[in-house]
Amino acid sequence: MGTSSEKQQKPADKYSQNPQDQIQSYLDRNEPKNKKAIQCVEEKEVSEQEKQLQQQSEISREVDDLQKDVIEKLNELDLAMGEFIDKIKKNREQDQE
């Protein structure tokens, strides 16, 4: 009889004495699953970061190309304005003569 009462007490003791042990037991059992889940999340984050870096690289290249185009157009505009000013000066000189 002492044995059956000990058996009845063990489950009660298992759950009531130290909840931290119960939690640790649960964590230990699920540690491989948790590690795998964490690894999957980390891999996904790395993948997302790589995608973002690629996008940023592409955007940087596009911005560089646009800046080059703008500088080229500004140089063309500068030349055209120089020619225009020269024509105005020539016209004034001709008008004064």
PDB file of N, CA and C in Angstrom:
ATOM      1  N   MET A   1       0.814  -1.196   0.000  1.00  0.00           N
ATOM      2  CA  MET A   1       0.000   0.000   0.000  1.00  0.00           C
ATOM      3  C   MET A   1       0.855   1.256   0.000  1.00  0.00           C
ATOM      4  N   GLY A   2       1.971   1.157   0.708  1.00  0.00           N
ATOM      5  CA  GLY A   2       2.860   2.304   0.734  1.00  0.00           C
ATOM      6  C   GLY A   2       3.341   2.642  -0.663  1.00  0.00           C
ATOM      7  N   THR A   3       3.453   1.631  -1.498  1.00  0.00           N
ATOM      8  CA  THR A   3       3.936   1.855  -2.847  1.00  0.00           C
ATOM      9  C   THR A   3       2.912   2.607  -3.675  1.00  0.00           C
ATOM     10  N   SER A   4       1.657   2.234  -3.553  1.00  0.00           N
ATOM     11  CA  SER A   4       0.639   2.910  -4.347  1.00  0.00           C
ATOM     12  C   SER A   4       0.459   4.353  -3.903  1.00  0.00           C
ATOM     13  N   SER A   5       0.593   4.626  -2.610  1.00  0.00           N
ATOM     14  CA  SER A   5       0.453   6.014  -2.165  1.00  0.00           C
ATOM     15  C   SER A   5       1.656   6.837  -2.622  1.00  0.00           C
ATOM     16  N   GLU A   6       2.844   6.206  -2.722  1.00  0.00           N
ATOM     17  CA  GLU A   6       4.012   6.924  -3.236  1.00  0.00           C
ATOM     18  C   GLU A   6       3.805   7.249  -4.710  1.00  0.00           C
ATOM     19  N   LYS A   7       3.240   6.291  -5.439  1.00  0.00           N
ATOM     20  CA  LYS A   7       2.981   6.523  -6.854  1.00  0.00           C
ATOM     21  C   LYS A   7       1.985   7.663  -7.036  1.00  0.00           C
ATOM     22  N   GLN A   8       1.008   7.714  -6.165  1.00  0.00           N
ATOM     23  CA  GLN A   8       0.025   8.785  -6.270  1.00  0.00           C
ATOM     24  C   GLN A   8       0.646  10.134  -5.932  1.00  0.00           C
ATOM     25  N   GLN A   9       1.597  10.136  -5.032  1.00  0.00           N
ATOM     26  CA  GLN A   9       2.215  11.399  -4.641  1.00  0.00           C
ATOM     27  C   GLN A   9       3.216  11.885  -5.685  1.00  0.00           C
ATOM     28  N   LYS A  10       3.886  10.967  -6.366  1.00  0.00           N
ATOM     29  CA  LYS A  10       4.902  11.380  -7.327  1.00  0.00           C
ATOM     30  C   LYS A  10       4.351  12.311  -8.407  1.00  0.00           C
ATOM     31  N   PRO A  11       3.258  11.958  -9.080  1.00  0.00           N
ATOM     32  CA  PRO A  11       2.755  12.892 -10.087  1.00  0.00           C
ATOM     33  C   PRO A  11       2.379  14.244  -9.486  1.00  0.00           C
ATOM     34  N   ALA A  12       1.787  14.224  -8.314  1.00  0.00           N
ATOM     35  CA  ALA A  12       1.424  15.491  -7.677  1.00  0.00           C
ATOM     36  C   ALA A  12       2.681  16.283  -7.360  1.00  0.00           C
ATOM     37  N   ASP A  13       3.704  15.592  -6.840  1.00  0.00           N
ATOM     38  CA  ASP A  13       4.965  16.265  -6.531  1.00  0.00           C
ATOM     39  C   ASP A  13       5.614  16.795  -7.806  1.00  0.00           C
ATOM     40  N   LYS A  14       5.541  15.992  -8.855  1.00  0.00           N
ATOM     41  CA  LYS A  14       6.169  16.374 -10.118  1.00  0.00           C
ATOM     42  C   LYS A  14       5.643  17.724 -10.610  1.00  0.00           C
ATOM     43  N   TYR A  15       4.378  17.968 -10.455  1.00  0.00           N
ATOM     44  CA  TYR A  15       3.783  19.190 -10.973  1.00  0.00           C
ATOM     45  C   TYR A  15       3.739  20.325  -9.963  1.00  0.00           C
ATOM     46  N   SER A  16       3.748  19.987  -8.682  1.00  0.00           N
ATOM     47  CA  SER A  16       3.528  21.051  -7.710  1.00  0.00           C
ATOM     48  C   SER A  16       4.796  21.534  -7.022  1.00  0.00           C
ATOM     49  N   GLN A  17       5.829  20.690  -6.914  1.00  0.00           N
ATOM     50  CA  GLN A  17       6.987  21.096  -6.118  1.00  0.00           C
ATOM     51  C   GLN A  17       7.797  22.198  -6.774  1.00  0.00           C
ATOM     52  N   ASN A  18       8.233  21.995  -8.003  1.00  0.00           N
ATOM     53  CA  ASN A  18       9.085  23.000  -8.617  1.00  0.00           C
ATOM     54  C   ASN A  18       8.666  23.236 -10.070  1.00  0.00           C
ATOM     55  N   PRO A  19       7.867  24.235 -10.295  1.00  0.00           N
ATOM     56  CA  PRO A  19       7.418  24.506 -11.667  1.00  0.00           C
ATOM     57  C   PRO A  19       8.590  24.827 -12.597  1.00  0.00           C
ATOM     58  N   GLN A  20       9.672  25.371 -12.045  1.00  0.00           N
ATOM     59  CA  GLN A  20      10.833  25.695 -12.875  1.00  0.00           C
ATOM     60  C   GLN A  20      11.425  24.429 -13.494  1.00  0.00           C
ATOM     61  N   ASP A  21      11.447  23.328 -12.710  1.00  0.00           N
ATOM     62  CA  ASP A  21      11.939  22.056 -13.242  1.00  0.00           C
ATOM     63  C   ASP A  21      11.052  21.578 -14.382  1.00  0.00           C
ATOM     64  N   GLN A  22       9.763  21.755 -14.215  1.00  0.00           N
ATOM     65  CA  GLN A  22       8.819  21.352 -15.253  1.00  0.00           C
ATOM     66  C   GLN A  22       9.055  22.179 -16.518  1.00  0.00           C
ATOM     67  N   ILE A  23       9.251  23.467 -16.346  1.00  0.00           N
ATOM     68  CA  ILE A  23       9.507  24.340 -17.497  1.00  0.00           C
ATOM     69  C   ILE A  23      10.819  23.948 -18.158  1.00  0.00           C
ATOM     70  N   GLN A  24      11.849  23.710 -17.335  1.00  0.00           N
ATOM     71  CA  GLN A  24      13.154  23.329 -17.881  1.00  0.00           C
ATOM     72  C   GLN A  24      13.055  22.020 -18.647  1.00  0.00           C
ATOM     73  N   SER A  25      12.285  21.071 -18.105  1.00  0.00           N
ATOM     74  CA  SER A  25      12.087  19.793 -18.781  1.00  0.00           C
ATOM     75  C   SER A  25      11.443  20.021 -20.148  1.00  0.00           C
ATOM     76  N   TYR A  26      10.447  20.869 -20.183  1.00  0.00           N
ATOM     77  CA  TYR A  26       9.771  21.196 -21.441  1.00  0.00           C
ATOM     78  C   TYR A  26      10.747  21.852 -22.414  1.00  0.00           C
ATOM     79  N   LEU A  27      11.548  22.789 -21.902  1.00  0.00           N
ATOM     80  CA  LEU A  27      12.525  23.470 -22.751  1.00  0.00           C
ATOM     81  C   LEU A  27      13.564  22.496 -23.290  1.00  0.00           C
ATOM     82  N   ASP A  28      14.032  21.593 -22.426  1.00  0.00           N
ATOM     83  CA  ASP A  28      15.024  20.608 -22.851  1.00  0.00           C
ATOM     84  C   ASP A  28      14.476  19.707 -23.949  1.00  0.00           C
ATOM     85  N   ARG A  29      13.229  19.294 -23.799  1.00  0.00           N
ATOM     86  CA  ARG A  29      12.609  18.436 -24.813  1.00  0.00           C
ATOM     87  C   ARG A  29      12.472  19.161 -26.139  1.00  0.00           C
ATOM     88  N   ASN A  30      12.172  20.434 -26.071  1.00  0.00           N
ATOM     89  CA  ASN A  30      11.909  21.190 -27.292  1.00  0.00           C
ATOM     90  C   ASN A  30      13.128  21.941 -27.818  1.00  0.00           C
ATOM     91  N   GLU A  31      14.270  21.772 -27.163  1.00  0.00           N
ATOM     92  CA  GLU A  31      15.458  22.517 -27.573  1.00  0.00           C
ATOM     93  C   GLU A  31      15.832  22.289 -29.038  1.00  0.00           C
ATOM     94  N   PRO A  32      15.852  21.028 -29.533  1.00  0.00           N
ATOM     95  CA  PRO A  32      16.189  20.847 -30.953  1.00  0.00           C
ATOM     96  C   PRO A  32      15.215  21.576 -31.880  1.00  0.00           C
ATOM     97  N   LYS A  33      13.926  21.507 -31.550  1.00  0.00           N
ATOM     98  CA  LYS A  33      12.923  22.211 -32.361  1.00  0.00           C
ATOM     99  C   LYS A  33      13.156  23.715 -32.300  1.00  0.00           C
ATOM    100  N   ASN A  34      13.430  24.199 -31.092  1.00  0.00           N
ATOM    101  CA  ASN A  34      13.654  25.636 -30.918  1.00  0.00           C
ATOM    102  C   ASN A  34      14.879  26.096 -31.695  1.00  0.00           C
ATOM    103  N   LYS A  35      15.958  25.298 -31.612  1.00  0.00           N
ATOM    104  CA  LYS A  35      17.180  25.659 -32.337  1.00  0.00           C
ATOM    105  C   LYS A  35      16.920  25.703 -33.835  1.00  0.00           C
ATOM    106  N   LYS A  36      16.178  24.707 -34.323  1.00  0.00           N
ATOM    107  CA  LYS A  36      15.878  24.659 -35.751  1.00  0.00           C
ATOM    108  C   LYS A  36      15.016  25.856 -36.157  1.00  0.00           C
ATOM    109  N   ALA A  37      14.047  26.188 -35.333  1.00  0.00           N
ATOM    110  CA  ALA A  37      13.182  27.338 -35.622  1.00  0.00           C
ATOM    111  C   ALA A  37      13.997  28.626 -35.619  1.00  0.00           C
ATOM    112  N   ILE A  38      14.877  28.758 -34.635  1.00  0.00           N
ATOM    113  CA  ILE A  38      15.725  29.955 -34.565  1.00  0.00           C
ATOM    114  C   ILE A  38      16.624  30.027 -35.789  1.00  0.00           C
ATOM    115  N   GLN A  39      17.189  28.891 -36.183  1.00  0.00           N
ATOM    116  CA  GLN A  39      18.060  28.857 -37.354  1.00  0.00           C
ATOM    117  C   GLN A  39      17.288  29.265 -38.607  1.00  0.00           C
ATOM    118  N   CYS A  40      16.063  28.767 -38.743  1.00  0.00           N
ATOM    119  CA  CYS A  40      15.238  29.131 -39.902  1.00  0.00           C
ATOM    120  C   CYS A  40      14.959  30.630 -39.921  1.00  0.00           C
ATOM    121  N   VAL A  41      14.642  31.178 -38.771  1.00  0.00           N
ATOM    122  CA  VAL A  41      14.367  32.614 -38.679  1.00  0.00           C
ATOM    123  C   VAL A  41      15.619  33.405 -39.025  1.00  0.00           C
ATOM    124  N   GLU A  42      16.772  32.966 -38.494  1.00  0.00           N
ATOM    125  CA  GLU A  42      18.024  33.667 -38.778  1.00  0.00           C
ATOM    126  C   GLU A  42      18.358  33.604 -40.262  1.00  0.00           C
ATOM    127  N   GLU A  43      18.169  32.427 -40.872  1.00  0.00           N
ATOM    128  CA  GLU A  43      18.431  32.289 -42.303  1.00  0.00           C
ATOM    129  C   GLU A  43      17.500  33.186 -43.108  1.00  0.00           C
ATOM    130  N   LYS A  44      16.256  33.259 -42.690  1.00  0.00           N
ATOM    131  CA  LYS A  44      15.297  34.115 -43.389  1.00  0.00           C
ATOM    132  C   LYS A  44      15.706  35.577 -43.254  1.00  0.00           C
ATOM    133  N   GLU A  45      16.143  35.971 -42.043  1.00  0.00           N
ATOM    134  CA  GLU A  45      16.579  37.350 -41.828  1.00  0.00           C
ATOM    135  C   GLU A  45      17.796  37.663 -42.683  1.00  0.00           C
ATOM    136  N   VAL A  46      18.744  36.720 -42.755  1.00  0.00           N
ATOM    137  CA  VAL A  46      19.941  36.922 -43.573  1.00  0.00           C
ATOM    138  C   VAL A  46      19.540  37.050 -45.038  1.00  0.00           C
ATOM    139  N   SER A  47      18.634  36.193 -45.470  1.00  0.00           N
ATOM    140  CA  SER A  47      18.162  36.244 -46.851  1.00  0.00           C
ATOM    141  C   SER A  47      17.504  37.591 -47.147  1.00  0.00           C
ATOM    142  N   GLU A  48      16.685  38.064 -46.219  1.00  0.00           N
ATOM    143  CA  GLU A  48      16.025  39.361 -46.388  1.00  0.00           C
ATOM    144  C   GLU A  48      17.061  40.484 -46.443  1.00  0.00           C
ATOM    145  N   GLN A  49      18.072  40.393 -45.574  1.00  0.00           N
ATOM    146  CA  GLN A  49      19.116  41.412 -45.555  1.00  0.00           C
ATOM    147  C   GLN A  49      19.892  41.411 -46.867  1.00  0.00           C
ATOM    148  N   GLU A  50      20.175  40.220 -47.397  1.00  0.00           N
ATOM    149  CA  GLU A  50      20.875  40.127 -48.679  1.00  0.00           C
ATOM    150  C   GLU A  50      20.036  40.752 -49.788  1.00  0.00           C
ATOM    151  N   LYS A  51      18.737  40.487 -49.782  1.00  0.00           N
ATOM    152  CA  LYS A  51      17.847  41.082 -50.781  1.00  0.00           C
ATOM    153  C   LYS A  51      17.857  42.601 -50.665  1.00  0.00           C
ATOM    154  N   GLN A  52      17.793  43.100 -49.424  1.00  0.00           N
ATOM    155  CA  GLN A  52      17.808  44.545 -49.216  1.00  0.00           C
ATOM    156  C   GLN A  52      19.119  45.149 -49.698  1.00  0.00           C
ATOM    157  N   LEU A  53      20.227  44.468 -49.434  1.00  0.00           N
ATOM    158  CA  LEU A  53      21.525  44.965 -49.898  1.00  0.00           C
ATOM    159  C   LEU A  53      21.580  44.997 -51.420  1.00  0.00           C
ATOM    160  N   GLN A  54      21.039  43.963 -52.061  1.00  0.00           N
ATOM    161  CA  GLN A  54      20.998  43.941 -53.522  1.00  0.00           C
ATOM    162  C   GLN A  54      20.161  45.100 -54.046  1.00  0.00           C
ATOM    163  N   GLN A  55      19.004  45.321 -53.433  1.00  0.00           N
ATOM    164  CA  GLN A  55      18.143  46.420 -53.858  1.00  0.00           C
ATOM    165  C   GLN A  55      18.838  47.758 -53.663  1.00  0.00           C
ATOM    166  N   GLN A  56      19.514  47.912 -52.526  1.00  0.00           N
ATOM    167  CA  GLN A  56      20.229  49.157 -52.266  1.00  0.00           C
ATOM    168  C   GLN A  56      21.347  49.356 -53.281  1.00  0.00           C
ATOM    169  N   SER A  57      22.029  48.266 -53.649  1.00  0.00           N
ATOM    170  CA  SER A  57      23.087  48.346 -54.655  1.00  0.00           C
ATOM    171  C   SER A  57      22.513  48.792 -55.996  1.00  0.00           C
ATOM    172  N   GLU A  58      21.411  48.179 -56.375  1.00  0.00           N
ATOM    173  CA  GLU A  58      20.774  48.544 -57.641  1.00  0.00           C
ATOM    174  C   GLU A  58      20.333  50.003 -57.621  1.00  0.00           C
ATOM    175  N   ILE A  59      19.745  50.422 -56.523  1.00  0.00           N
ATOM    176  CA  ILE A  59      19.299  51.813 -56.401  1.00  0.00           C
ATOM    177  C   ILE A  59      20.494  52.749 -56.472  1.00  0.00           C
ATOM    178  N   SER A  60      21.583  52.388 -55.809  1.00  0.00           N
ATOM    179  CA  SER A  60      22.787  53.222 -55.839  1.00  0.00           C
ATOM    180  C   SER A  60      23.315  53.352 -57.261  1.00  0.00           C
ATOM    181  N   ARG A  61      23.325  52.241 -57.996  1.00  0.00           N
ATOM    182  CA  ARG A  61      23.779  52.293 -59.393  1.00  0.00           C
ATOM    183  C   ARG A  61      22.864  53.183 -60.227  1.00  0.00           C
ATOM    184  N   GLU A  62      21.566  53.042 -60.028  1.00  0.00           N
ATOM    185  CA  GLU A  62      20.623  53.877 -60.771  1.00  0.00           C
ATOM    186  C   GLU A  62      20.823  55.350 -60.435  1.00  0.00           C
ATOM    187  N   VAL A  63      21.022  55.652 -59.161  1.00  0.00           N
ATOM    188  CA  VAL A  63      21.251  57.036 -58.740  1.00  0.00           C
ATOM    189  C   VAL A  63      22.533  57.561 -59.377  1.00  0.00           C
ATOM    190  N   ASP A  64      23.587  56.740 -59.371  1.00  0.00           N
ATOM    191  CA  ASP A  64      24.850  57.155 -59.997  1.00  0.00           C
ATOM    192  C   ASP A  64      24.647  57.458 -61.476  1.00  0.00           C
ATOM    193  N   ASP A  65      23.918  56.567 -62.163  1.00  0.00           N
ATOM    194  CA  ASP A  65      23.648  56.785 -63.589  1.00  0.00           C
ATOM    195  C   ASP A  65      22.859  58.074 -63.803  1.00  0.00           C
ATOM    196  N   LEU A  66      21.855  58.298 -62.967  1.00  0.00           N
ATOM    197  CA  LEU A  66      21.054  59.520 -63.095  1.00  0.00           C
ATOM    198  C   LEU A  66      21.900  60.761 -62.820  1.00  0.00           C
ATOM    199  N   GLN A  67      22.781  60.678 -61.832  1.00  0.00           N
ATOM    200  CA  GLN A  67      23.651  61.818 -61.544  1.00  0.00           C
ATOM    201  C   GLN A  67      24.558  62.115 -62.734  1.00  0.00           C
ATOM    202  N   LYS A  68      25.092  61.063 -63.357  1.00  0.00           N
ATOM    203  CA  LYS A  68      25.934  61.256 -64.543  1.00  0.00           C
ATOM    204  C   LYS A  68      25.128  61.920 -65.656  1.00  0.00           C
ATOM    205  N   ASP A  69      23.890  61.444 -65.865  1.00  0.00           N
ATOM    206  CA  ASP A  69      23.029  62.036 -66.894  1.00  0.00           C
ATOM    207  C   ASP A  69      22.762  63.507 -66.601  1.00  0.00           C
ATOM    208  N   VAL A  70      22.470  63.823 -65.345  1.00  0.00           N
ATOM    209  CA  VAL A  70      22.190  65.210 -64.961  1.00  0.00           C
ATOM    210  C   VAL A  70      23.418  66.080 -65.211  1.00  0.00           C
ATOM    211  N   ILE A  71      24.594  65.591 -64.824  1.00  0.00           N
ATOM    212  CA  ILE A  71      25.825  66.364 -65.038  1.00  0.00           C
ATOM    213  C   ILE A  71      26.060  66.580 -66.528  1.00  0.00           C
ATOM    214  N   GLU A  72      25.822  65.542 -67.320  1.00  0.00           N
ATOM    215  CA  GLU A  72      25.981  65.659 -68.770  1.00  0.00           C
ATOM    216  C   GLU A  72      25.021  66.710 -69.335  1.00  0.00           C
ATOM    217  N   LYS A  73      23.766  66.652 -68.912  1.00  0.00           N
ATOM    218  CA  LYS A  73      22.775  67.629 -69.400  1.00  0.00           C
ATOM    219  C   LYS A  73      23.126  69.045 -68.946  1.00  0.00           C
ATOM    220  N   LEU A  74      23.608  69.181 -67.710  1.00  0.00           N
ATOM    221  CA  LEU A  74      24.006  70.508 -67.225  1.00  0.00           C
ATOM    222  C   LEU A  74      25.181  71.052 -68.034  1.00  0.00           C
ATOM    223  N   ASN A  75      26.122  70.183 -68.381  1.00  0.00           N
ATOM    224  CA  ASN A  75      27.244  70.621 -69.219  1.00  0.00           C
ATOM    225  C   ASN A  75      26.756  71.066 -70.595  1.00  0.00           C
ATOM    226  N   GLU A  76      25.819  70.294 -71.173  1.00  0.00           N
ATOM    227  CA  GLU A  76      25.245  70.676 -72.468  1.00  0.00           C
ATOM    228  C   GLU A  76      24.530  72.019 -72.353  1.00  0.00           C
ATOM    229  N   LEU A  77      23.768  72.194 -71.281  1.00  0.00           N
ATOM    230  CA  LEU A  77      23.055  73.449 -71.057  1.00  0.00           C
ATOM    231  C   LEU A  77      24.038  74.603 -70.899  1.00  0.00           C
ATOM    232  N   ASP A  78      25.116  74.366 -70.175  1.00  0.00           N
ATOM    233  CA  ASP A  78      26.134  75.394 -69.976  1.00  0.00           C
ATOM    234  C   ASP A  78      26.740  75.816 -71.315  1.00  0.00           C
ATOM    235  N   LEU A  79      27.052  74.838 -72.164  1.00  0.00           N
ATOM    236  CA  LEU A  79      27.592  75.156 -73.489  1.00  0.00           C
ATOM    237  C   LEU A  79      26.575  75.934 -74.324  1.00  0.00           C
ATOM    238  N   ALA A  80      25.323  75.469 -74.303  1.00  0.00           N
ATOM    239  CA  ALA A  80      24.276  76.132 -75.082  1.00  0.00           C
ATOM    240  C   ALA A  80      24.069  77.563 -74.591  1.00  0.00           C
ATOM    241  N   MET A  81      24.084  77.770 -73.292  1.00  0.00           N
ATOM    242  CA  MET A  81      23.908  79.125 -72.751  1.00  0.00           C
ATOM    243  C   MET A  81      25.100  79.998 -73.121  1.00  0.00           C
ATOM    244  N   GLY A  82      26.294  79.420 -73.111  1.00  0.00           N
ATOM    245  CA  GLY A  82      27.484  80.167 -73.524  1.00  0.00           C
ATOM    246  C   GLY A  82      27.359  80.620 -74.971  1.00  0.00           C
ATOM    247  N   GLU A  83      26.913  79.698 -75.845  1.00  0.00           N
ATOM    248  CA  GLU A  83      26.717  80.042 -77.255  1.00  0.00           C
ATOM    249  C   GLU A  83      25.641  81.116 -77.400  1.00  0.00           C
ATOM    250  N   PHE A  84      24.573  80.986 -76.652  1.00  0.00           N
ATOM    251  CA  PHE A  84      23.473  81.950 -76.715  1.00  0.00           C
ATOM    252  C   PHE A  84      23.954  83.339 -76.287  1.00  0.00           C
ATOM    253  N   ILE A  85      24.717  83.390 -75.211  1.00  0.00           N
ATOM    254  CA  ILE A  85      25.243  84.679 -74.726  1.00  0.00           C
ATOM    255  C   ILE A  85      26.175  85.284 -75.766  1.00  0.00           C
ATOM    256  N   ASP A  86      27.005  84.435 -76.391  1.00  0.00           N
ATOM    257  CA  ASP A  86      27.900  84.936 -77.443  1.00  0.00           C
ATOM    258  C   ASP A  86      27.098  85.532 -78.598  1.00  0.00           C
ATOM    259  N   LYS A  87      26.006  84.874 -78.992  1.00  0.00           N
ATOM    260  CA  LYS A  87      25.169  85.386 -80.081  1.00  0.00           C
ATOM    261  C   LYS A  87      24.549  86.726 -79.694  1.00  0.00           C
ATOM    262  N   ILE A  88      24.091  86.830 -78.455  1.00  0.00           N
ATOM    263  CA  ILE A  88      23.493  88.094 -77.995  1.00  0.00           C
ATOM    264  C   ILE A  88      24.534  89.203 -78.052  1.00  0.00           C
ATOM    265  N   LYS A  89      25.734  88.917 -77.606  1.00  0.00           N
ATOM    266  CA  LYS A  89      26.806  89.924 -77.637  1.00  0.00           C
ATOM    267  C   LYS A  89      27.103  90.353 -79.066  1.00  0.00           C
ATOM    268  N   LYS A  90      27.168  89.373 -79.985  1.00  0.00           N
ATOM    269  CA  LYS A  90      27.434  89.691 -81.390  1.00  0.00           C
ATOM    270  C   LYS A  90      26.316  90.552 -81.963  1.00  0.00           C
ATOM    271  N   ASN A  91      25.069  90.203 -81.640  1.00  0.00           N
ATOM    272  CA  ASN A  91      23.932  90.987 -82.136  1.00  0.00           C
ATOM    273  C   ASN A  91      23.990  92.415 -81.612  1.00  0.00           C
ATOM    274  N   ARG A  92      24.357  92.605 -80.351  1.00  0.00           N
ATOM    275  CA  ARG A  92      24.467  93.951 -79.783  1.00  0.00           C
ATOM    276  C   ARG A  92      25.571  94.736 -80.485  1.00  0.00           C
ATOM    277  N   GLU A  93      26.688  94.047 -80.733  1.00  0.00           N
ATOM    278  CA  GLU A  93      27.798  94.719 -81.416  1.00  0.00           C
ATOM    279  C   GLU A  93      27.374  95.139 -82.817  1.00  0.00           C
ATOM    280  N   GLN A  94      26.642  94.252 -83.505  1.00  0.00           N
ATOM    281  CA  GLN A  94      26.190  94.575 -84.856  1.00  0.00           C
ATOM    282  C   GLN A  94      25.183  95.716 -84.823  1.00  0.00           C
ATOM    283  N   ASP A  95      24.323  95.732 -83.812  1.00  0.00           N
ATOM    284  CA  ASP A  95      23.332  96.804 -83.698  1.00  0.00           C
ATOM    285  C   ASP A  95      24.011  98.134 -83.413  1.00  0.00           C
ATOM    286  N   GLN A  96      25.068  98.114 -82.645  1.00  0.00           N
ATOM    287  CA  GLN A  96      25.759  99.354 -82.302  1.00  0.00           C
ATOM    288  C   GLN A  96      26.530  99.897 -83.495  1.00  0.00           C
ATOM    289  N   GLU A  97      26.935  99.048 -84.398  1.00  0.00           N
ATOM    290  CA  GLU A  97      27.674  99.510 -85.575  1.00  0.00           C
ATOM    291  C   GLU A  97      26.742 100.089 -86.562  1.00  0.00           C
TER     292      GLU A  97
END
